[in-house]
Amino acid sequence: MPKKHSYDANLMELAIQEVRNSNMSYRAAANKYGIPKSTLQFKIKNAGHNNTCGSSPVLQTKEEYELVERIKELASRRFPRKKDDIMHSVQKCLIENPRRNPFNNNRPGEFWFKAFLKR
């Protein structure tokens, strides 16, 4: 996983403003405010990008929470869900509520499932 550094938001904003107003080069602003040049370039060129690593989640937070609660409920009743059951549930959700996703036939793969377990 990539290292994630946090920089003072005020300093980052000042550096961005200096570069946008053409008062300073990327390198000069990066040196002045103690921010890596590549980070400063990325923040300026991708202004709407969120601050998390990786792509946006496929399921909304509410949907994922409901899925987890359903899995817990069924497990407490001695009906544990298997991996295929969970992936089928996600596929069904994406078919009923269409949206862009990286899955083949709206069915999540191994990497999604492993990341889901970690979350």
N, C-alpha and C. Protein backbone atom coordinates (compact mmCIF):
# COMPACT_ATOMS: atom_id res chain seq x y z
N MET A 1 0.85 -1.17 0.00
CA MET A 1 0.00 0.00 0.00
C MET A 1 0.89 1.23 0.00
N PRO A 2 0.51 2.25 -0.77
CA PRO A 2 1.35 3.44 -0.83
C PRO A 2 1.37 4.18 0.50
N LYS A 3 2.48 4.86 0.75
CA LYS A 3 2.57 5.67 1.95
C LYS A 3 1.64 6.85 1.82
N LYS A 4 1.02 7.22 2.91
CA LYS A 4 0.10 8.34 2.88
C LYS A 4 0.58 9.39 3.87
N HIS A 5 0.94 10.54 3.34
CA HIS A 5 1.40 11.64 4.16
C HIS A 5 0.30 12.67 4.25
N SER A 6 0.25 13.32 5.38
CA SER A 6 -0.72 14.41 5.48
C SER A 6 0.06 15.72 5.60
N TYR A 7 -0.39 16.68 4.87
CA TYR A 7 0.24 17.98 4.87
C TYR A 7 -0.76 18.98 5.41
N ASP A 8 -0.25 20.02 5.99
CA ASP A 8 -1.12 21.07 6.52
C ASP A 8 -1.98 21.61 5.38
N ALA A 9 -3.28 21.55 5.55
CA ALA A 9 -4.21 21.97 4.49
C ALA A 9 -4.02 23.44 4.13
N ASN A 10 -3.71 24.26 5.12
CA ASN A 10 -3.51 25.68 4.85
C ASN A 10 -2.28 25.90 3.98
N LEU A 11 -1.18 25.19 4.29
CA LEU A 11 0.03 25.32 3.49
C LEU A 11 -0.20 24.81 2.07
N MET A 12 -0.92 23.70 1.96
CA MET A 12 -1.21 23.15 0.64
C MET A 12 -2.03 24.15 -0.18
N GLU A 13 -3.01 24.76 0.44
CA GLU A 13 -3.85 25.73 -0.27
C GLU A 13 -3.04 26.96 -0.69
N LEU A 14 -2.17 27.42 0.19
CA LEU A 14 -1.31 28.56 -0.16
C LEU A 14 -0.41 28.23 -1.34
N ALA A 15 0.18 27.04 -1.32
CA ALA A 15 1.06 26.62 -2.42
C ALA A 15 0.28 26.54 -3.73
N ILE A 16 -0.92 25.99 -3.68
CA ILE A 16 -1.76 25.88 -4.88
C ILE A 16 -2.10 27.27 -5.42
N GLN A 17 -2.47 28.18 -4.54
CA GLN A 17 -2.80 29.54 -4.97
C GLN A 17 -1.60 30.25 -5.61
N GLU A 18 -0.43 30.05 -5.02
CA GLU A 18 0.79 30.68 -5.57
C GLU A 18 1.05 30.19 -6.99
N VAL A 19 0.89 28.88 -7.21
CA VAL A 19 1.15 28.33 -8.54
C VAL A 19 0.07 28.77 -9.52
N ARG A 20 -1.19 28.73 -9.10
CA ARG A 20 -2.29 29.11 -9.99
C ARG A 20 -2.22 30.58 -10.40
N ASN A 21 -1.77 31.41 -9.51
CA ASN A 21 -1.66 32.84 -9.82
C ASN A 21 -0.39 33.15 -10.61
N SER A 22 0.33 32.11 -10.97
CA SER A 22 1.58 32.22 -11.73
C SER A 22 2.65 33.04 -11.01
N ASN A 23 2.54 33.08 -9.71
CA ASN A 23 3.57 33.78 -8.94
C ASN A 23 4.80 32.92 -8.72
N MET A 24 4.61 31.58 -8.82
CA MET A 24 5.68 30.67 -8.49
C MET A 24 5.60 29.41 -9.34
N SER A 25 6.74 28.79 -9.52
CA SER A 25 6.76 27.50 -10.21
C SER A 25 6.38 26.39 -9.22
N TYR A 26 6.09 25.20 -9.75
CA TYR A 26 5.78 24.07 -8.89
C TYR A 26 6.93 23.82 -7.91
N ARG A 27 8.13 23.80 -8.45
CA ARG A 27 9.30 23.49 -7.63
C ARG A 27 9.52 24.54 -6.52
N ALA A 28 9.39 25.81 -6.87
CA ALA A 28 9.61 26.86 -5.88
C ALA A 28 8.55 26.80 -4.78
N ALA A 29 7.29 26.60 -5.16
CA ALA A 29 6.22 26.51 -4.17
C ALA A 29 6.39 25.27 -3.29
N ALA A 30 6.80 24.16 -3.89
CA ALA A 30 7.01 22.94 -3.12
C ALA A 30 8.11 23.14 -2.08
N ASN A 31 9.21 23.78 -2.49
CA ASN A 31 10.31 24.04 -1.56
C ASN A 31 9.90 25.01 -0.45
N LYS A 32 9.16 26.05 -0.83
CA LYS A 32 8.76 27.08 0.14
C LYS A 32 7.84 26.51 1.22
N TYR A 33 6.89 25.64 0.81
CA TYR A 33 5.88 25.15 1.75
C TYR A 33 6.16 23.74 2.27
N GLY A 34 7.26 23.13 1.84
CA GLY A 34 7.63 21.81 2.34
C GLY A 34 6.71 20.69 1.88
N ILE A 35 6.24 20.79 0.65
CA ILE A 35 5.35 19.79 0.07
C ILE A 35 6.05 19.19 -1.15
N PRO A 36 5.99 17.88 -1.36
CA PRO A 36 6.61 17.31 -2.56
C PRO A 36 6.03 17.92 -3.84
N LYS A 37 6.90 18.16 -4.80
CA LYS A 37 6.48 18.78 -6.06
C LYS A 37 5.41 17.94 -6.76
N SER A 38 5.60 16.61 -6.76
CA SER A 38 4.64 15.73 -7.44
C SER A 38 3.26 15.79 -6.78
N THR A 39 3.23 15.91 -5.45
CA THR A 39 1.95 16.04 -4.75
C THR A 39 1.26 17.33 -5.13
N LEU A 40 2.02 18.39 -5.16
CA LEU A 40 1.47 19.70 -5.54
C LEU A 40 0.93 19.68 -6.96
N GLN A 41 1.67 19.08 -7.89
CA GLN A 41 1.21 18.97 -9.27
C GLN A 41 -0.09 18.16 -9.34
N PHE A 42 -0.14 17.05 -8.63
CA PHE A 42 -1.33 16.20 -8.64
C PHE A 42 -2.54 16.96 -8.11
N LYS A 43 -2.38 17.66 -6.99
CA LYS A 43 -3.49 18.40 -6.39
C LYS A 43 -4.03 19.48 -7.32
N ILE A 44 -3.13 20.11 -8.09
CA ILE A 44 -3.58 21.17 -9.00
C ILE A 44 -4.25 20.58 -10.23
N LYS A 45 -3.69 19.54 -10.79
CA LYS A 45 -4.25 18.96 -12.02
C LYS A 45 -5.50 18.14 -11.77
N ASN A 46 -5.69 17.62 -10.55
CA ASN A 46 -6.84 16.79 -10.21
C ASN A 46 -7.58 17.42 -9.05
N ALA A 47 -8.11 18.60 -9.26
CA ALA A 47 -8.69 19.40 -8.19
C ALA A 47 -9.87 18.70 -7.49
N GLY A 48 -10.67 17.94 -8.20
CA GLY A 48 -11.84 17.31 -7.60
C GLY A 48 -11.57 15.95 -6.98
N HIS A 49 -10.35 15.50 -7.03
CA HIS A 49 -10.00 14.16 -6.53
C HIS A 49 -10.10 14.11 -5.02
N ASN A 50 -10.66 13.00 -4.51
CA ASN A 50 -10.75 12.86 -3.06
C ASN A 50 -9.39 12.48 -2.49
N ASN A 51 -9.27 12.49 -1.19
CA ASN A 51 -7.99 12.28 -0.54
C ASN A 51 -7.74 10.83 -0.13
N THR A 52 -8.49 9.89 -0.66
CA THR A 52 -8.29 8.50 -0.30
C THR A 52 -7.46 7.79 -1.35
N CYS A 53 -6.84 6.70 -0.93
CA CYS A 53 -6.08 5.88 -1.87
C CYS A 53 -7.04 4.94 -2.58
N GLY A 54 -6.78 4.64 -3.81
CA GLY A 54 -7.58 3.68 -4.55
C GLY A 54 -8.81 4.30 -5.18
N SER A 55 -9.56 3.47 -5.84
CA SER A 55 -10.76 3.94 -6.53
C SER A 55 -11.93 4.05 -5.56
N SER A 56 -13.00 4.66 -6.02
CA SER A 56 -14.19 4.80 -5.20
C SER A 56 -14.86 3.45 -5.02
N PRO A 57 -15.51 3.23 -3.88
CA PRO A 57 -16.17 1.95 -3.66
C PRO A 57 -17.36 1.77 -4.60
N VAL A 58 -17.66 0.51 -4.92
CA VAL A 58 -18.77 0.20 -5.81
C VAL A 58 -20.09 0.33 -5.07
N LEU A 59 -20.15 -0.25 -3.88
CA LEU A 59 -21.35 -0.15 -3.07
C LEU A 59 -21.29 1.11 -2.22
N GLN A 60 -22.44 1.72 -2.02
CA GLN A 60 -22.50 2.87 -1.13
C GLN A 60 -22.31 2.38 0.30
N THR A 61 -21.92 3.26 1.18
CA THR A 61 -21.67 2.89 2.58
C THR A 61 -22.89 2.24 3.20
N LYS A 62 -24.06 2.78 2.92
CA LYS A 62 -25.30 2.24 3.48
C LYS A 62 -25.54 0.82 2.96
N GLU A 63 -25.32 0.60 1.67
CA GLU A 63 -25.53 -0.73 1.09
C GLU A 63 -24.56 -1.76 1.69
N GLU A 64 -23.31 -1.35 1.85
CA GLU A 64 -22.33 -2.27 2.41
C GLU A 64 -22.66 -2.57 3.88
N TYR A 65 -23.10 -1.58 4.62
CA TYR A 65 -23.49 -1.78 6.01
C TYR A 65 -24.66 -2.76 6.10
N GLU A 66 -25.66 -2.58 5.23
CA GLU A 66 -26.82 -3.49 5.23
C GLU A 66 -26.40 -4.91 4.88
N LEU A 67 -25.47 -5.06 3.96
CA LEU A 67 -24.96 -6.38 3.60
C LEU A 67 -24.28 -7.04 4.79
N VAL A 68 -23.45 -6.29 5.49
CA VAL A 68 -22.75 -6.82 6.66
C VAL A 68 -23.76 -7.22 7.75
N GLU A 69 -24.74 -6.38 7.99
CA GLU A 69 -25.76 -6.69 9.01
C GLU A 69 -26.54 -7.95 8.64
N ARG A 70 -26.85 -8.10 7.37
CA ARG A 70 -27.56 -9.30 6.90
C ARG A 70 -26.71 -10.56 7.10
N ILE A 71 -25.43 -10.45 6.79
CA ILE A 71 -24.51 -11.59 6.98
C ILE A 71 -24.45 -11.95 8.45
N LYS A 72 -24.34 -10.96 9.33
CA LYS A 72 -24.28 -11.22 10.78
C LYS A 72 -25.57 -11.85 11.29
N GLU A 73 -26.69 -11.32 10.79
CA GLU A 73 -28.00 -11.84 11.22
C GLU A 73 -28.14 -13.32 10.84
N LEU A 74 -27.81 -13.64 9.61
CA LEU A 74 -27.92 -15.03 9.16
C LEU A 74 -26.93 -15.93 9.89
N ALA A 75 -25.76 -15.43 10.20
CA ALA A 75 -24.77 -16.23 10.94
C ALA A 75 -25.26 -16.51 12.35
N SER A 76 -25.92 -15.53 12.97
CA SER A 76 -26.43 -15.74 14.32
C SER A 76 -27.56 -16.78 14.34
N ARG A 77 -28.22 -16.96 13.21
CA ARG A 77 -29.27 -17.98 13.09
C ARG A 77 -28.72 -19.30 12.58
N ARG A 78 -27.41 -19.41 12.55
CA ARG A 78 -26.69 -20.61 12.11
C ARG A 78 -26.86 -20.89 10.61
N PHE A 79 -26.91 -19.80 9.83
CA PHE A 79 -26.92 -19.89 8.37
C PHE A 79 -25.79 -19.03 7.83
N PRO A 80 -24.55 -19.43 8.07
CA PRO A 80 -23.45 -18.58 7.59
C PRO A 80 -23.44 -18.50 6.07
N ARG A 81 -23.06 -17.35 5.57
CA ARG A 81 -23.01 -17.12 4.14
C ARG A 81 -21.63 -17.50 3.61
N LYS A 82 -21.64 -18.12 2.45
CA LYS A 82 -20.40 -18.47 1.78
C LYS A 82 -20.00 -17.30 0.87
N LYS A 83 -18.77 -17.38 0.40
CA LYS A 83 -18.24 -16.34 -0.48
C LYS A 83 -19.13 -16.14 -1.70
N ASP A 84 -19.55 -17.22 -2.34
CA ASP A 84 -20.40 -17.11 -3.54
C ASP A 84 -21.75 -16.47 -3.22
N ASP A 85 -22.29 -16.73 -2.03
CA ASP A 85 -23.56 -16.12 -1.63
C ASP A 85 -23.42 -14.60 -1.54
N ILE A 86 -22.31 -14.17 -0.94
CA ILE A 86 -22.08 -12.73 -0.76
C ILE A 86 -21.89 -12.06 -2.13
N MET A 87 -21.09 -12.68 -2.97
CA MET A 87 -20.84 -12.11 -4.29
C MET A 87 -22.11 -12.09 -5.13
N HIS A 88 -22.96 -13.10 -4.98
CA HIS A 88 -24.24 -13.12 -5.68
C HIS A 88 -25.15 -11.99 -5.18
N SER A 89 -25.12 -11.74 -3.87
CA SER A 89 -25.93 -10.65 -3.31
C SER A 89 -25.51 -9.29 -3.88
N VAL A 90 -24.19 -9.09 -4.01
CA VAL A 90 -23.69 -7.84 -4.58
C VAL A 90 -24.09 -7.74 -6.04
N GLN A 91 -23.99 -8.85 -6.78
CA GLN A 91 -24.37 -8.86 -8.18
C GLN A 91 -25.85 -8.50 -8.33
N LYS A 92 -26.68 -9.09 -7.50
CA LYS A 92 -28.11 -8.81 -7.55
C LYS A 92 -28.40 -7.33 -7.25
N CYS A 93 -27.69 -6.78 -6.27
CA CYS A 93 -27.85 -5.36 -5.92
C CYS A 93 -27.47 -4.47 -7.10
N LEU A 94 -26.38 -4.81 -7.78
CA LEU A 94 -25.93 -3.99 -8.91
C LEU A 94 -26.83 -4.14 -10.14
N ILE A 95 -27.49 -5.27 -10.28
CA ILE A 95 -28.44 -5.44 -11.38
C ILE A 95 -29.70 -4.62 -11.12
N GLU A 96 -30.15 -4.64 -9.85
CA GLU A 96 -31.35 -3.89 -9.49
C GLU A 96 -31.11 -2.38 -9.47
N ASN A 97 -29.90 -1.97 -9.13
CA ASN A 97 -29.53 -0.55 -9.05
C ASN A 97 -28.32 -0.31 -9.95
N PRO A 98 -28.53 -0.21 -11.26
CA PRO A 98 -27.39 -0.12 -12.19
C PRO A 98 -26.50 1.11 -11.94
N ARG A 99 -25.21 0.89 -12.04
CA ARG A 99 -24.21 1.94 -11.94
C ARG A 99 -22.91 1.44 -12.53
N ARG A 100 -22.00 2.33 -12.80
CA ARG A 100 -20.70 1.92 -13.35
C ARG A 100 -19.94 1.10 -12.32
N ASN A 101 -19.35 0.02 -12.78
CA ASN A 101 -18.51 -0.78 -11.90
C ASN A 101 -17.51 -1.55 -12.75
N PRO A 102 -16.42 -1.98 -12.14
CA PRO A 102 -15.37 -2.66 -12.90
C PRO A 102 -15.59 -4.16 -13.05
N PHE A 103 -16.73 -4.68 -12.62
CA PHE A 103 -16.97 -6.12 -12.58
C PHE A 103 -17.48 -6.65 -13.92
N ASN A 104 -17.20 -7.93 -14.18
CA ASN A 104 -17.76 -8.61 -15.34
C ASN A 104 -19.16 -9.09 -14.96
N ASN A 105 -20.15 -8.72 -15.74
CA ASN A 105 -21.55 -9.09 -15.49
C ASN A 105 -22.01 -8.67 -14.11
N ASN A 106 -21.51 -7.54 -13.62
CA ASN A 106 -21.87 -7.00 -12.30
C ASN A 106 -21.49 -7.91 -11.13
N ARG A 107 -20.66 -8.90 -11.37
CA ARG A 107 -20.27 -9.82 -10.30
C ARG A 107 -18.86 -9.49 -9.82
N PRO A 108 -18.71 -9.20 -8.51
CA PRO A 108 -17.39 -8.86 -7.99
C PRO A 108 -16.44 -10.05 -8.05
N GLY A 109 -15.15 -9.74 -8.03
CA GLY A 109 -14.13 -10.78 -8.11
C GLY A 109 -13.41 -10.97 -6.79
N GLU A 110 -12.31 -11.71 -6.86
CA GLU A 110 -11.51 -12.05 -5.69
C GLU A 110 -11.01 -10.81 -4.94
N PHE A 111 -10.47 -9.84 -5.69
CA PHE A 111 -9.88 -8.67 -5.05
C PHE A 111 -10.94 -7.87 -4.30
N TRP A 112 -12.12 -7.72 -4.88
CA TRP A 112 -13.19 -7.00 -4.19
C TRP A 112 -13.55 -7.74 -2.91
N PHE A 113 -13.69 -9.05 -3.00
CA PHE A 113 -14.10 -9.83 -1.84
C PHE A 113 -13.08 -9.72 -0.71
N LYS A 114 -11.79 -9.81 -1.04
CA LYS A 114 -10.75 -9.69 -0.01
C LYS A 114 -10.77 -8.30 0.64
N ALA A 115 -10.96 -7.27 -0.18
CA ALA A 115 -11.03 -5.91 0.35
C ALA A 115 -12.27 -5.73 1.22
N PHE A 116 -13.38 -6.35 0.82
CA PHE A 116 -14.61 -6.30 1.61
C PHE A 116 -14.39 -6.92 2.98
N LEU A 117 -13.73 -8.04 3.03
CA LEU A 117 -13.44 -8.70 4.32
C LEU A 117 -12.57 -7.82 5.20
N LYS A 118 -11.60 -7.14 4.60
CA LYS A 118 -10.73 -6.25 5.38
C LYS A 118 -11.51 -5.08 5.94
N ARG A 119 -12.45 -4.54 5.13
CA ARG A 119 -13.25 -3.41 5.62
C ARG A 119 -14.18 -3.85 6.71
